[in-house]
PDB file of N, CA and C in Angstrom:
ATOM      1  N   MET A   1     245.123  36.031  60.797  1.00  0.00           N
ATOM      2  CA  MET A   1     244.654  34.810  61.540  1.00  0.00           C
ATOM      3  C   MET A   1     243.390  34.212  60.916  1.00  0.00           C
ATOM      4  N   VAL A   2     242.438  35.029  60.512  1.00  0.00           N
ATOM      5  CA  VAL A   2     241.235  34.592  59.918  1.00  0.00           C
ATOM      6  C   VAL A   2     241.530  33.864  58.600  1.00  0.00           C
ATOM      7  N   ILE A   3     242.425  34.429  57.810  1.00  0.00           N
ATOM      8  CA  ILE A   3     242.729  33.862  56.468  1.00  0.00           C
ATOM      9  C   ILE A   3     243.293  32.467  56.709  1.00  0.00           C
ATOM     10  N   SER A   4     244.204  32.266  57.663  1.00  0.00           N
ATOM     11  CA  SER A   4     244.865  31.040  57.786  1.00  0.00           C
ATOM     12  C   SER A   4     243.886  29.990  58.355  1.00  0.00           C
ATOM     13  N   TRP A   5     242.838  30.435  59.117  1.00  0.00           N
ATOM     14  CA  TRP A   5     241.880  29.484  59.606  1.00  0.00           C
ATOM     15  C   TRP A   5     241.004  29.000  58.423  1.00  0.00           C
ATOM     16  N   ILE A   6     240.604  29.887  57.578  1.00  0.00           N
ATOM     17  CA  ILE A   6     239.792  29.597  56.397  1.00  0.00           C
ATOM     18  C   ILE A   6     240.658  28.683  55.507  1.00  0.00           C
ATOM     19  N   LEU A   7     241.867  29.114  55.174  1.00  0.00           N
ATOM     20  CA  LEU A   7     242.703  28.191  54.351  1.00  0.00           C
ATOM     21  C   LEU A   7     242.810  26.756  54.850  1.00  0.00           C
ATOM     22  N   ASN A   8     242.782  26.554  56.094  1.00  0.00           N
ATOM     23  CA  ASN A   8     242.941  25.210  56.621  1.00  0.00           C
ATOM     24  C   ASN A   8     241.689  24.403  56.530  1.00  0.00           C
ATOM     25  N   THR A   9     240.544  25.089  56.286  1.00  0.00           N
ATOM     26  CA  THR A   9     239.231  24.466  56.190  1.00  0.00           C
ATOM     27  C   THR A   9     238.975  24.160  54.699  1.00  0.00           C
ATOM     28  N   LEU A  10     239.703  24.691  53.718  1.00  0.00           N
ATOM     29  CA  LEU A  10     239.413  24.506  52.338  1.00  0.00           C
ATOM     30  C   LEU A  10     240.281  23.371  51.799  1.00  0.00           C
ATOM     31  N   SER A  11     239.762  22.754  50.675  1.00  0.00           N
ATOM     32  CA  SER A  11     240.518  21.664  50.079  1.00  0.00           C
ATOM     33  C   SER A  11     241.829  22.390  49.539  1.00  0.00           C
ATOM     34  N   ARG A  12     242.778  21.545  49.277  1.00  0.00           N
ATOM     35  CA  ARG A  12     244.125  22.019  48.809  1.00  0.00           C
ATOM     36  C   ARG A  12     244.047  22.760  47.466  1.00  0.00           C
ATOM     37  N   GLU A  13     243.197  22.168  46.548  1.00  0.00           N
ATOM     38  CA  GLU A  13     243.087  22.793  45.303  1.00  0.00           C
ATOM     39  C   GLU A  13     242.463  24.145  45.278  1.00  0.00           C
ATOM     40  N   ILE A  14     241.432  24.314  46.172  1.00  0.00           N
ATOM     41  CA  ILE A  14     240.776  25.690  46.352  1.00  0.00           C
ATOM     42  C   ILE A  14     241.734  26.615  47.088  1.00  0.00           C
ATOM     43  N   SER A  15     242.391  26.159  48.147  1.00  0.00           N
ATOM     44  CA  SER A  15     243.184  27.057  48.924  1.00  0.00           C
ATOM     45  C   SER A  15     244.380  27.566  48.079  1.00  0.00           C
ATOM     46  N   GLU A  16     244.898  26.756  47.152  1.00  0.00           N
ATOM     47  CA  GLU A  16     245.968  27.226  46.353  1.00  0.00           C
ATOM     48  C   GLU A  16     245.562  28.384  45.390  1.00  0.00           C
ATOM     49  N   CYS A  17     244.282  28.448  45.062  1.00  0.00           N
ATOM     50  CA  CYS A  17     243.808  29.528  44.176  1.00  0.00           C
ATOM     51  C   CYS A  17     243.634  30.865  44.901  1.00  0.00           C
ATOM     52  N   VAL A  18     243.491  30.877  46.187  1.00  0.00           N
ATOM     53  CA  VAL A  18     243.388  32.121  47.012  1.00  0.00           C
ATOM     54  C   VAL A  18     244.429  32.353  48.012  1.00  0.00           C
ATOM     55  N   LEU A  19     245.502  31.585  47.861  1.00  0.00           N
ATOM     56  CA  LEU A  19     246.615  31.655  48.871  1.00  0.00           C
ATOM     57  C   LEU A  19     247.247  33.007  48.938  1.00  0.00           C
ATOM     58  N   TYR A  20     247.389  33.758  47.898  1.00  0.00           N
ATOM     59  CA  TYR A  20     248.119  34.959  47.898  1.00  0.00           C
ATOM     60  C   TYR A  20     247.266  36.232  47.891  1.00  0.00           C
ATOM     61  N   THR A  21     246.053  36.137  48.421  1.00  0.00           N
ATOM     62  CA  THR A  21     245.370  37.385  48.602  1.00  0.00           C
ATOM     63  C   THR A  21     245.893  38.189  49.796  1.00  0.00           C
ATOM     64  N   ASN A  22     245.710  39.414  49.750  1.00  0.00           N
ATOM     65  CA  ASN A  22     246.262  40.293  50.819  1.00  0.00           C
ATOM     66  C   ASN A  22     245.425  40.481  52.066  1.00  0.00           C
ATOM     67  N   THR A  23     244.167  40.597  51.850  1.00  0.00           N
ATOM     68  CA  THR A  23     243.164  40.818  52.971  1.00  0.00           C
ATOM     69  C   THR A  23     242.087  39.849  52.991  1.00  0.00           C
ATOM     70  N   ALA A  24     241.501  39.707  54.135  1.00  0.00           N
ATOM     71  CA  ALA A  24     240.359  38.743  54.365  1.00  0.00           C
ATOM     72  C   ALA A  24     239.202  39.209  53.456  1.00  0.00           C
ATOM     73  N   SER A  25     238.985  40.444  53.146  1.00  0.00           N
ATOM     74  CA  SER A  25     237.967  40.902  52.260  1.00  0.00           C
ATOM     75  C   SER A  25     238.248  40.510  50.840  1.00  0.00           C
ATOM     76  N   GLN A  26     239.459  40.544  50.362  1.00  0.00           N
ATOM     77  CA  GLN A  26     239.884  40.047  49.039  1.00  0.00           C
ATOM     78  C   GLN A  26     239.696  38.631  48.888  1.00  0.00           C
ATOM     79  N   PHE A  27     240.014  37.904  49.964  1.00  0.00           N
ATOM     80  CA  PHE A  27     239.888  36.490  50.088  1.00  0.00           C
ATOM     81  C   PHE A  27     238.450  36.000  49.831  1.00  0.00           C
ATOM     82  N   TRP A  28     237.445  36.572  50.618  1.00  0.00           N
ATOM     83  CA  TRP A  28     236.089  36.318  50.460  1.00  0.00           C
ATOM     84  C   TRP A  28     235.618  36.683  49.179  1.00  0.00           C
ATOM     85  N   MET A  29     235.894  37.798  48.616  1.00  0.00           N
ATOM     86  CA  MET A  29     235.513  38.201  47.257  1.00  0.00           C
ATOM     87  C   MET A  29     236.026  37.204  46.216  1.00  0.00           C
ATOM     88  N   GLU A  30     237.183  36.814  46.388  1.00  0.00           N
ATOM     89  CA  GLU A  30     237.719  35.869  45.276  1.00  0.00           C
ATOM     90  C   GLU A  30     237.016  34.533  45.457  1.00  0.00           C
ATOM     91  N   LEU A  31     236.752  34.049  46.633  1.00  0.00           N
ATOM     92  CA  LEU A  31     235.945  32.780  46.771  1.00  0.00           C
ATOM     93  C   LEU A  31     234.525  33.003  46.289  1.00  0.00           C
ATOM     94  N   ASP A  32     233.877  34.181  46.597  1.00  0.00           N
ATOM     95  CA  ASP A  32     232.515  34.376  46.050  1.00  0.00           C
ATOM     96  C   ASP A  32     232.459  34.483  44.534  1.00  0.00           C
ATOM     97  N   ASP A  33     233.462  35.172  43.937  1.00  0.00           N
ATOM     98  CA  ASP A  33     233.475  35.238  42.452  1.00  0.00           C
ATOM     99  C   ASP A  33     233.565  33.912  41.864  1.00  0.00           C
ATOM    100  N   ARG A  34     234.423  33.072  42.474  1.00  0.00           N
ATOM    101  CA  ARG A  34     234.692  31.806  41.805  1.00  0.00           C
ATOM    102  C   ARG A  34     233.663  30.780  42.096  1.00  0.00           C
ATOM    103  N   TYR A  35     233.206  30.617  43.407  1.00  0.00           N
ATOM    104  CA  TYR A  35     232.226  29.569  43.707  1.00  0.00           C
ATOM    105  C   TYR A  35     230.874  30.029  44.227  1.00  0.00           C
ATOM    106  N   GLY A  36     230.635  31.283  44.381  1.00  0.00           N
ATOM    107  CA  GLY A  36     229.379  31.803  44.844  1.00  0.00           C
ATOM    108  C   GLY A  36     228.366  32.057  43.765  1.00  0.00           C
ATOM    109  N   GLN A  37     228.615  31.638  42.552  1.00  0.00           N
ATOM    110  CA  GLN A  37     227.809  32.009  41.447  1.00  0.00           C
ATOM    111  C   GLN A  37     226.659  30.953  41.321  1.00  0.00           C
ATOM    112  N   ALA A  38     225.487  31.434  41.305  1.00  0.00           N
ATOM    113  CA  ALA A  38     224.364  30.529  41.107  1.00  0.00           C
ATOM    114  C   ALA A  38     224.298  30.280  39.576  1.00  0.00           C
ATOM    115  N   ASN A  39     223.929  29.039  39.249  1.00  0.00           N
ATOM    116  CA  ASN A  39     223.856  28.714  37.852  1.00  0.00           C
ATOM    117  C   ASN A  39     222.577  27.898  37.558  1.00  0.00           C
ATOM    118  N   GLY A  40     222.222  27.731  36.328  1.00  0.00           N
ATOM    119  CA  GLY A  40     221.069  27.003  35.963  1.00  0.00           C
ATOM    120  C   GLY A  40     221.199  25.560  36.224  1.00  0.00           C
ATOM    121  N   ALA A  41     222.393  25.085  36.065  1.00  0.00           N
ATOM    122  CA  ALA A  41     222.529  23.648  36.385  1.00  0.00           C
ATOM    123  C   ALA A  41     222.293  23.297  37.831  1.00  0.00           C
ATOM    124  N   LYS A  42     222.835  24.086  38.780  1.00  0.00           N
ATOM    125  CA  LYS A  42     222.594  23.922  40.205  1.00  0.00           C
ATOM    126  C   LYS A  42     221.108  24.053  40.503  1.00  0.00           C
ATOM    127  N   LEU A  43     220.545  25.129  39.954  1.00  0.00           N
ATOM    128  CA  LEU A  43     219.077  25.391  40.216  1.00  0.00           C
ATOM    129  C   LEU A  43     218.243  24.217  39.779  1.00  0.00           C
ATOM    130  N   TYR A  44     218.589  23.642  38.593  1.00  0.00           N
ATOM    131  CA  TYR A  44     217.903  22.468  38.142  1.00  0.00           C
ATOM    132  C   TYR A  44     218.081  21.277  39.045  1.00  0.00           C
ATOM    133  N   GLN A  45     219.269  21.021  39.431  1.00  0.00           N
ATOM    134  CA  GLN A  45     219.472  19.907  40.408  1.00  0.00           C
ATOM    135  C   GLN A  45     218.700  20.089  41.760  1.00  0.00           C
ATOM    136  N   LEU A  46     218.703  21.307  42.234  1.00  0.00           N
ATOM    137  CA  LEU A  46     217.899  21.512  43.444  1.00  0.00           C
ATOM    138  C   LEU A  46     216.461  21.334  43.348  1.00  0.00           C
ATOM    139  N   HIS A  47     215.911  21.826  42.090  1.00  0.00           N
ATOM    140  CA  HIS A  47     214.480  21.563  41.847  1.00  0.00           C
ATOM    141  C   HIS A  47     214.198  20.065  41.716  1.00  0.00           C
ATOM    142  N   LYS A  48     215.089  19.392  41.039  1.00  0.00           N
ATOM    143  CA  LYS A  48     214.904  17.990  40.818  1.00  0.00           C
ATOM    144  C   LYS A  48     214.885  17.228  42.144  1.00  0.00           C
ATOM    145  N   SER A  49     215.830  17.638  43.024  1.00  0.00           N
ATOM    146  CA  SER A  49     215.882  17.001  44.354  1.00  0.00           C
ATOM    147  C   SER A  49     214.671  17.272  45.269  1.00  0.00           C
ATOM    148  N   LEU A  50     214.295  18.556  45.118  1.00  0.00           N
ATOM    149  CA  LEU A  50     213.022  18.965  45.868  1.00  0.00           C
ATOM    150  C   LEU A  50     211.849  18.135  45.377  1.00  0.00           C
ATOM    151  N   PHE A  51     211.623  17.919  44.061  1.00  0.00           N
ATOM    152  CA  PHE A  51     210.451  17.120  43.578  1.00  0.00           C
ATOM    153  C   PHE A  51     210.668  15.643  43.760  1.00  0.00           C
ATOM    154  N   ALA A  52     211.821  15.206  43.847  1.00  0.00           N
ATOM    155  CA  ALA A  52     212.087  13.718  44.011  1.00  0.00           C
ATOM    156  C   ALA A  52     212.108  13.262  45.377  1.00  0.00           C
ATOM    157  N   ASN A  53     212.209  14.186  46.356  1.00  0.00           N
ATOM    158  CA  ASN A  53     212.342  13.815  47.650  1.00  0.00           C
ATOM    159  C   ASN A  53     210.982  13.325  48.164  1.00  0.00           C
ATOM    160  N   SER A  54     211.014  12.176  48.898  1.00  0.00           N
ATOM    161  CA  SER A  54     209.772  11.543  49.519  1.00  0.00           C
ATOM    162  C   SER A  54     210.156  11.139  50.891  1.00  0.00           C
ATOM    163  N   GLN A  55     209.109  10.972  51.646  1.00  0.00           N
ATOM    164  CA  GLN A  55     209.370  10.611  53.030  1.00  0.00           C
ATOM    165  C   GLN A  55     209.824   9.191  53.133  1.00  0.00           C
ATOM    166  N   GLY A  56     209.364   8.235  52.308  1.00  0.00           N
ATOM    167  CA  GLY A  56     209.714   6.887  52.368  1.00  0.00           C
ATOM    168  C   GLY A  56     209.638   6.395  53.826  1.00  0.00           C
ATOM    169  N   ASN A  57     210.688   5.732  54.279  1.00  0.00           N
ATOM    170  CA  ASN A  57     210.731   5.149  55.606  1.00  0.00           C
ATOM    171  C   ASN A  57     211.230   6.099  56.629  1.00  0.00           C
ATOM    172  N   ASN A  58     211.518   7.264  56.244  1.00  0.00           N
ATOM    173  CA  ASN A  58     212.035   8.243  57.228  1.00  0.00           C
ATOM    174  C   ASN A  58     210.952   8.831  58.167  1.00  0.00           C
ATOM    175  N   ASP A  59     211.361   9.197  59.335  1.00  0.00           N
ATOM    176  CA  ASP A  59     210.365   9.889  60.118  1.00  0.00           C
ATOM    177  C   ASP A  59     210.138  11.307  59.613  1.00  0.00           C
ATOM    178  N   ILE A  60     209.112  11.982  60.144  1.00  0.00           N
ATOM    179  CA  ILE A  60     208.718  13.317  59.672  1.00  0.00           C
ATOM    180  C   ILE A  60     209.844  14.346  59.852  1.00  0.00           C
ATOM    181  N   ALA A  61     210.580  14.332  61.004  1.00  0.00           N
ATOM    182  CA  ALA A  61     211.604  15.191  61.261  1.00  0.00           C
ATOM    183  C   ALA A  61     212.779  15.072  60.242  1.00  0.00           C
ATOM    184  N   THR A  62     213.114  13.913  59.828  1.00  0.00           N
ATOM    185  CA  THR A  62     214.109  13.724  58.826  1.00  0.00           C
ATOM    186  C   THR A  62     213.768  14.222  57.459  1.00  0.00           C
ATOM    187  N   TYR A  63     212.458  13.877  57.148  1.00  0.00           N
ATOM    188  CA  TYR A  63     211.914  14.372  55.889  1.00  0.00           C
ATOM    189  C   TYR A  63     211.818  15.874  55.806  1.00  0.00           C
ATOM    190  N   ILE A  64     211.363  16.515  56.810  1.00  0.00           N
ATOM    191  CA  ILE A  64     211.165  17.908  56.808  1.00  0.00           C
ATOM    192  C   ILE A  64     212.533  18.653  56.799  1.00  0.00           C
ATOM    193  N   THR A  65     213.519  18.054  57.542  1.00  0.00           N
ATOM    194  CA  THR A  65     214.863  18.609  57.574  1.00  0.00           C
ATOM    195  C   THR A  65     215.453  18.573  56.249  1.00  0.00           C
ATOM    196  N   LYS A  66     215.275  17.503  55.480  1.00  0.00           N
ATOM    197  CA  LYS A  66     215.894  17.442  54.077  1.00  0.00           C
ATOM    198  C   LYS A  66     215.231  18.387  53.194  1.00  0.00           C
ATOM    199  N   MET A  67     213.850  18.466  53.284  1.00  0.00           N
ATOM    200  CA  MET A  67     213.133  19.481  52.461  1.00  0.00           C
ATOM    201  C   MET A  67     213.591  20.960  52.748  1.00  0.00           C
ATOM    202  N   LYS A  68     213.740  21.278  54.059  1.00  0.00           N
ATOM    203  CA  LYS A  68     214.157  22.617  54.458  1.00  0.00           C
ATOM    204  C   LYS A  68     215.548  22.971  53.980  1.00  0.00           C
ATOM    205  N   SER A  69     216.443  21.888  54.055  1.00  0.00           N
ATOM    206  CA  SER A  69     217.780  22.216  53.565  1.00  0.00           C
ATOM    207  C   SER A  69     217.831  22.538  52.069  1.00  0.00           C
ATOM    208  N   ILE A  70     216.962  21.806  51.199  1.00  0.00           N
ATOM    209  CA  ILE A  70     216.923  22.143  49.798  1.00  0.00           C
ATOM    210  C   ILE A  70     216.302  23.556  49.685  1.00  0.00           C
ATOM    211  N   TRP A  71     215.148  23.891  50.417  1.00  0.00           N
ATOM    212  CA  TRP A  71     214.532  25.089  50.197  1.00  0.00           C
ATOM    213  C   TRP A  71     215.554  26.273  50.655  1.00  0.00           C
ATOM    214  N   ASP A  72     216.283  26.057  51.664  1.00  0.00           N
ATOM    215  CA  ASP A  72     217.233  27.122  52.112  1.00  0.00           C
ATOM    216  C   ASP A  72     218.336  27.274  51.096  1.00  0.00           C
ATOM    217  N   GLU A  73     218.816  26.201  50.473  1.00  0.00           N
ATOM    218  CA  GLU A  73     219.783  26.283  49.410  1.00  0.00           C
ATOM    219  C   GLU A  73     219.242  27.006  48.189  1.00  0.00           C
ATOM    220  N   LEU A  74     218.012  26.768  47.877  1.00  0.00           N
ATOM    221  CA  LEU A  74     217.369  27.452  46.735  1.00  0.00           C
ATOM    222  C   LEU A  74     217.251  28.926  47.027  1.00  0.00           C
ATOM    223  N   ASN A  75     216.837  29.315  48.223  1.00  0.00           N
ATOM    224  CA  ASN A  75     216.697  30.643  48.687  1.00  0.00           C
ATOM    225  C   ASN A  75     218.038  31.446  48.696  1.00  0.00           C
ATOM    226  N   SER A  76     219.153  30.683  48.961  1.00  0.00           N
ATOM    227  CA  SER A  76     220.488  31.325  49.081  1.00  0.00           C
ATOM    228  C   SER A  76     221.049  31.639  47.747  1.00  0.00           C
ATOM    229  N   LEU A  77     220.582  30.984  46.665  1.00  0.00           N
ATOM    230  CA  LEU A  77     221.180  31.282  45.373  1.00  0.00           C
ATOM    231  C   LEU A  77     220.734  32.664  44.854  1.00  0.00           C
ATOM    232  N   ASN A  78     221.745  33.361  44.308  1.00  0.00           N
ATOM    233  CA  ASN A  78     221.481  34.659  43.681  1.00  0.00           C
ATOM    234  C   ASN A  78     221.185  34.339  42.187  1.00  0.00           C
ATOM    235  N   LEU A  79     219.940  34.391  41.810  1.00  0.00           N
ATOM    236  CA  LEU A  79     219.636  34.130  40.406  1.00  0.00           C
ATOM    237  C   LEU A  79     220.268  35.131  39.514  1.00  0.00           C
ATOM    238  N   ILE A  80     220.892  34.608  38.437  1.00  0.00           N
ATOM    239  CA  ILE A  80     221.558  35.415  37.477  1.00  0.00           C
ATOM    240  C   ILE A  80     220.687  35.496  36.200  1.00  0.00           C
ATOM    241  N   PRO A  81     220.621  36.535  35.584  1.00  0.00           N
ATOM    242  CA  PRO A  81     219.817  36.562  34.352  1.00  0.00           C
ATOM    243  C   PRO A  81     220.473  35.734  33.205  1.00  0.00           C
ATOM    244  N   SER A  82     219.636  35.126  32.415  1.00  0.00           N
ATOM    245  CA  SER A  82     220.170  34.311  31.394  1.00  0.00           C
ATOM    246  C   SER A  82     220.492  35.191  30.129  1.00  0.00           C
ATOM    247  N   CYS A  83     221.518  34.651  29.396  1.00  0.00           N
ATOM    248  CA  CYS A  83     221.976  35.355  28.198  1.00  0.00           C
ATOM    249  C   CYS A  83     221.433  34.733  26.998  1.00  0.00           C
ATOM    250  N   ASN A  84     220.750  35.312  26.066  1.00  0.00           N
ATOM    251  CA  ASN A  84     220.288  34.783  24.828  1.00  0.00           C
ATOM    252  C   ASN A  84     221.139  35.356  23.671  1.00  0.00           C
ATOM    253  N   CYS A  85     222.182  36.079  23.986  1.00  0.00           N
ATOM    254  CA  CYS A  85     222.850  36.831  22.879  1.00  0.00           C
ATOM    255  C   CYS A  85     223.805  35.962  22.160  1.00  0.00           C
ATOM    256  N   GLY A  86     224.187  34.733  22.702  1.00  0.00           N
ATOM    257  CA  GLY A  86     225.173  33.881  22.024  1.00  0.00           C
ATOM    258  C   GLY A  86     226.656  34.362  22.212  1.00  0.00           C
ATOM    259  N   GLY A  87     226.915  35.424  22.991  1.00  0.00           N
ATOM    260  CA  GLY A  87     228.186  35.895  23.190  1.00  0.00           C
ATOM    261  C   GLY A  87     229.055  34.931  24.091  1.00  0.00           C
ATOM    262  N   ASN A  88     230.328  35.171  24.059  1.00  0.00           N
ATOM    263  CA  ASN A  88     231.254  34.426  24.912  1.00  0.00           C
ATOM    264  C   ASN A  88     231.941  35.256  25.872  1.00  0.00           C
ATOM    265  N   ILE A  89     232.927  34.725  26.612  1.00  0.00           N
ATOM    266  CA  ILE A  89     233.614  35.412  27.691  1.00  0.00           C
ATOM    267  C   ILE A  89     234.394  36.519  27.114  1.00  0.00           C
ATOM    268  N   LEU A  90     235.020  36.357  25.895  1.00  0.00           N
ATOM    269  CA  LEU A  90     235.857  37.400  25.377  1.00  0.00           C
ATOM    270  C   LEU A  90     235.029  38.675  24.966  1.00  0.00           C
ATOM    271  N   MET A  91     233.760  38.476  24.675  1.00  0.00           N
ATOM    272  CA  MET A  91     232.856  39.562  24.194  1.00  0.00           C
ATOM    273  C   MET A  91     232.290  40.360  25.350  1.00  0.00           C
ATOM    274  N   MET A  92     232.509  39.937  26.571  1.00  0.00           N
ATOM    275  CA  MET A  92     231.863  40.593  27.812  1.00  0.00           C
ATOM    276  C   MET A  92     232.593  41.884  28.029  1.00  0.00           C
ATOM    277  N   GLN A  93     231.781  42.857  28.378  1.00  0.00           N
ATOM    278  CA  GLN A  93     232.345  44.157  28.818  1.00  0.00           C
ATOM    279  C   GLN A  93     231.934  44.579  30.187  1.00  0.00           C
ATOM    280  N   PRO A  94     232.846  44.730  31.082  1.00  0.00           N
ATOM    281  CA  PRO A  94     234.283  44.556  30.937  1.00  0.00           C
ATOM    282  C   PRO A  94     234.690  43.080  30.950  1.00  0.00           C
ATOM    283  N   VAL A  95     235.831  42.736  30.480  1.00  0.00           N
ATOM    284  CA  VAL A  95     236.307  41.411  30.461  1.00  0.00           C
ATOM    285  C   VAL A  95     236.387  40.987  31.901  1.00  0.00           C
ATOM    286  N   PRO A  96     235.855  39.705  32.172  1.00  0.00           N
ATOM    287  CA  PRO A  96     235.750  39.180  33.555  1.00  0.00           C
ATOM    288  C   PRO A  96     237.069  38.853  34.094  1.00  0.00           C
ATOM    289  N   SER A  97     237.169  38.779  35.469  1.00  0.00           N
ATOM    290  CA  SER A  97     238.376  38.366  36.029  1.00  0.00           C
ATOM    291  C   SER A  97     238.540  36.815  35.879  1.00  0.00           C
ATOM    292  N   ILE A  98     239.748  36.344  36.232  1.00  0.00           N
ATOM    293  CA  ILE A  98     239.995  34.961  36.072  1.00  0.00           C
ATOM    294  C   ILE A  98     238.987  34.087  36.882  1.00  0.00           C
ATOM    295  N   SER A  99     238.681  34.620  38.126  1.00  0.00           N
ATOM    296  CA  SER A  99     237.660  33.900  38.945  1.00  0.00           C
ATOM    297  C   SER A  99     236.325  33.820  38.334  1.00  0.00           C
ATOM    298  N   GLN A 100     235.910  35.005  37.782  1.00  0.00           N
ATOM    299  CA  GLN A 100     234.619  35.080  37.137  1.00  0.00           C
ATOM    300  C   GLN A 100     234.574  34.183  35.888  1.00  0.00           C
ATOM    301  N   ALA A 101     235.622  34.102  35.144  1.00  0.00           N
ATOM    302  CA  ALA A 101     235.755  33.339  33.888  1.00  0.00           C
ATOM    303  C   ALA A 101     235.604  31.793  34.280  1.00  0.00           C
ATOM    304  N   TYR A 102     236.337  31.452  35.410  1.00  0.00           N
ATOM    305  CA  TYR A 102     236.337  30.104  35.873  1.00  0.00           C
ATOM    306  C   TYR A 102     234.910  29.716  36.251  1.00  0.00           C
ATOM    307  N   ALA A 103     234.192  30.611  37.020  1.00  0.00           N
ATOM    308  CA  ALA A 103     232.868  30.247  37.386  1.00  0.00           C
ATOM    309  C   ALA A 103     231.930  30.077  36.186  1.00  0.00           C
ATOM    310  N   LEU A 104     232.096  30.951  35.079  1.00  0.00           N
ATOM    311  CA  LEU A 104     231.329  30.766  33.892  1.00  0.00           C
ATOM    312  C   LEU A 104     231.618  29.407  33.244  1.00  0.00           C
ATOM    313  N   LEU A 105     232.921  29.014  33.238  1.00  0.00           N
ATOM    314  CA  LEU A 105     233.281  27.793  32.543  1.00  0.00           C
ATOM    315  C   LEU A 105     232.672  26.582  33.281  1.00  0.00           C
ATOM    316  N   ILE A 106     232.693  26.659  34.625  1.00  0.00           N
ATOM    317  CA  ILE A 106     232.155  25.583  35.508  1.00  0.00           C
ATOM    318  C   ILE A 106     230.634  25.470  35.252  1.00  0.00           C
ATOM    319  N   GLN A 107     230.015  26.678  35.137  1.00  0.00           N
ATOM    320  CA  GLN A 107     228.530  26.660  34.892  1.00  0.00           C
ATOM    321  C   GLN A 107     228.238  25.962  33.479  1.00  0.00           C
ATOM    322  N   ASP A 108     229.088  26.342  32.502  1.00  0.00           N
ATOM    323  CA  ASP A 108     228.877  25.773  31.142  1.00  0.00           C
ATOM    324  C   ASP A 108     229.174  24.202  31.141  1.00  0.00           C
ATOM    325  N   GLU A 109     230.169  23.795  31.931  1.00  0.00           N
ATOM    326  CA  GLU A 109     230.448  22.337  32.080  1.00  0.00           C
ATOM    327  C   GLU A 109     229.327  21.639  32.697  1.00  0.00           C
ATOM    328  N   ASN A 110     228.791  22.187  33.828  1.00  0.00           N
ATOM    329  CA  ASN A 110     227.595  21.519  34.396  1.00  0.00           C
ATOM    330  C   ASN A 110     226.457  21.578  33.513  1.00  0.00           C
ATOM    331  N   GLN A 111     226.252  22.573  32.752  1.00  0.00           N
ATOM    332  CA  GLN A 111     225.113  22.593  31.875  1.00  0.00           C
ATOM    333  C   GLN A 111     225.226  21.454  30.833  1.00  0.00           C
ATOM    334  N   MET A 112     226.391  21.315  30.370  1.00  0.00           N
ATOM    335  CA  MET A 112     226.664  20.257  29.344  1.00  0.00           C
ATOM    336  C   MET A 112     226.363  18.834  29.872  1.00  0.00           C
ATOM    337  N   GLU A 113     226.725  18.663  31.117  1.00  0.00           N
ATOM    338  CA  GLU A 113     226.481  17.334  31.822  1.00  0.00           C
ATOM    339  C   GLU A 113     224.946  17.138  31.968  1.00  0.00           C
ATOM    340  N   ILE A 114     224.240  18.148  32.220  1.00  0.00           N
ATOM    341  CA  ILE A 114     222.764  17.949  32.328  1.00  0.00           C
ATOM    342  C   ILE A 114     222.067  17.632  30.942  1.00  0.00           C
ATOM    343  N   HIS A 115     222.604  18.221  29.871  1.00  0.00           N
ATOM    344  CA  HIS A 115     221.998  17.994  28.628  1.00  0.00           C
ATOM    345  C   HIS A 115     222.622  16.845  27.834  1.00  0.00           C
ATOM    346  N   SER A 116     223.559  16.060  28.478  1.00  0.00           N
ATOM    347  CA  SER A 116     224.104  14.899  27.745  1.00  0.00           C
ATOM    348  C   SER A 116     223.951  13.668  28.570  1.00  0.00           C
ATOM    349  N   PRO A 117     222.790  13.259  28.946  1.00  0.00           N
ATOM    350  CA  PRO A 117     222.616  12.089  29.862  1.00  0.00           C
ATOM    351  C   PRO A 117     222.980  10.789  29.040  1.00  0.00           C
ATOM    352  N   ASN A 118     222.696  10.793  27.733  1.00  0.00           N
ATOM    353  CA  ASN A 118     223.024   9.626  26.860  1.00  0.00           C
ATOM    354  C   ASN A 118     224.449   9.408  26.807  1.00  0.00           C
ATOM    355  N   GLN A 119     225.366  10.474  26.767  1.00  0.00           N
ATOM    356  CA  GLN A 119     226.739  10.281  26.842  1.00  0.00           C
ATOM    357  C   GLN A 119     227.217   9.685  28.139  1.00  0.00           C
ATOM    358  N   PHE A 120     226.589  10.031  29.230  1.00  0.00           N
ATOM    359  CA  PHE A 120     226.849   9.500  30.556  1.00  0.00           C
ATOM    360  C   PHE A 120     226.506   8.078  30.528  1.00  0.00           C
ATOM    361  N   LEU A 121     225.445   7.609  29.981  1.00  0.00           N
ATOM    362  CA  LEU A 121     225.029   6.220  30.017  1.00  0.00           C
ATOM    363  C   LEU A 121     226.018   5.383  29.072  1.00  0.00           C
ATOM    364  N   ALA A 122     226.358   6.061  27.918  1.00  0.00           N
ATOM    365  CA  ALA A 122     227.307   5.443  27.020  1.00  0.00           C
ATOM    366  C   ALA A 122     228.696   5.163  27.714  1.00  0.00           C
ATOM    367  N   ASP A 123     229.108   6.121  28.498  1.00  0.00           N
ATOM    368  CA  ASP A 123     230.376   5.965  29.267  1.00  0.00           C
ATOM    369  C   ASP A 123     230.340   4.861  30.286  1.00  0.00           C
ATOM    370  N   LEU A 124     229.169   4.695  30.895  1.00  0.00           N
ATOM    371  CA  LEU A 124     228.905   3.714  31.890  1.00  0.00           C
ATOM    372  C   LEU A 124     228.998   2.298  31.273  1.00  0.00           C
ATOM    373  N   LEU A 125     228.391   2.181  30.080  1.00  0.00           N
ATOM    374  CA  LEU A 125     228.357   0.906  29.413  1.00  0.00           C
ATOM    375  C   LEU A 125     229.609   0.432  28.766  1.00  0.00           C
ATOM    376  N   LYS A 126     230.660   1.286  28.712  1.00  0.00           N
ATOM    377  CA  LYS A 126     231.958   0.875  28.102  1.00  0.00           C
ATOM    378  C   LYS A 126     232.697  -0.043  28.987  1.00  0.00           C
TER     379      LYS A 126
END
């Protein structure tokens, strides 16, 4: 019953990835492996949001609520150590699961988006 409730709250693409897990525990571990990974790109975006946030025309309660939500999200991230070795997924010991490999690829994709703002501008100008 818990699994079906959670499946109904997920988007179709995500629910299809975890549809055939046997237990609620496996279900949560699969989701955590895939989407619960903290990464440098997300950390960077949160820090950028934190420093860019200003009260503007908002009242104090709205401003503080926005700041607290950013702080809470920063605190919830499990910081992962960075790798300077230049290794790739295939060189990892033990070889990661599909979910962990997916999370690593998403992190890499997000990192590339951060480091290529000129490509983003070029795409907008086309």
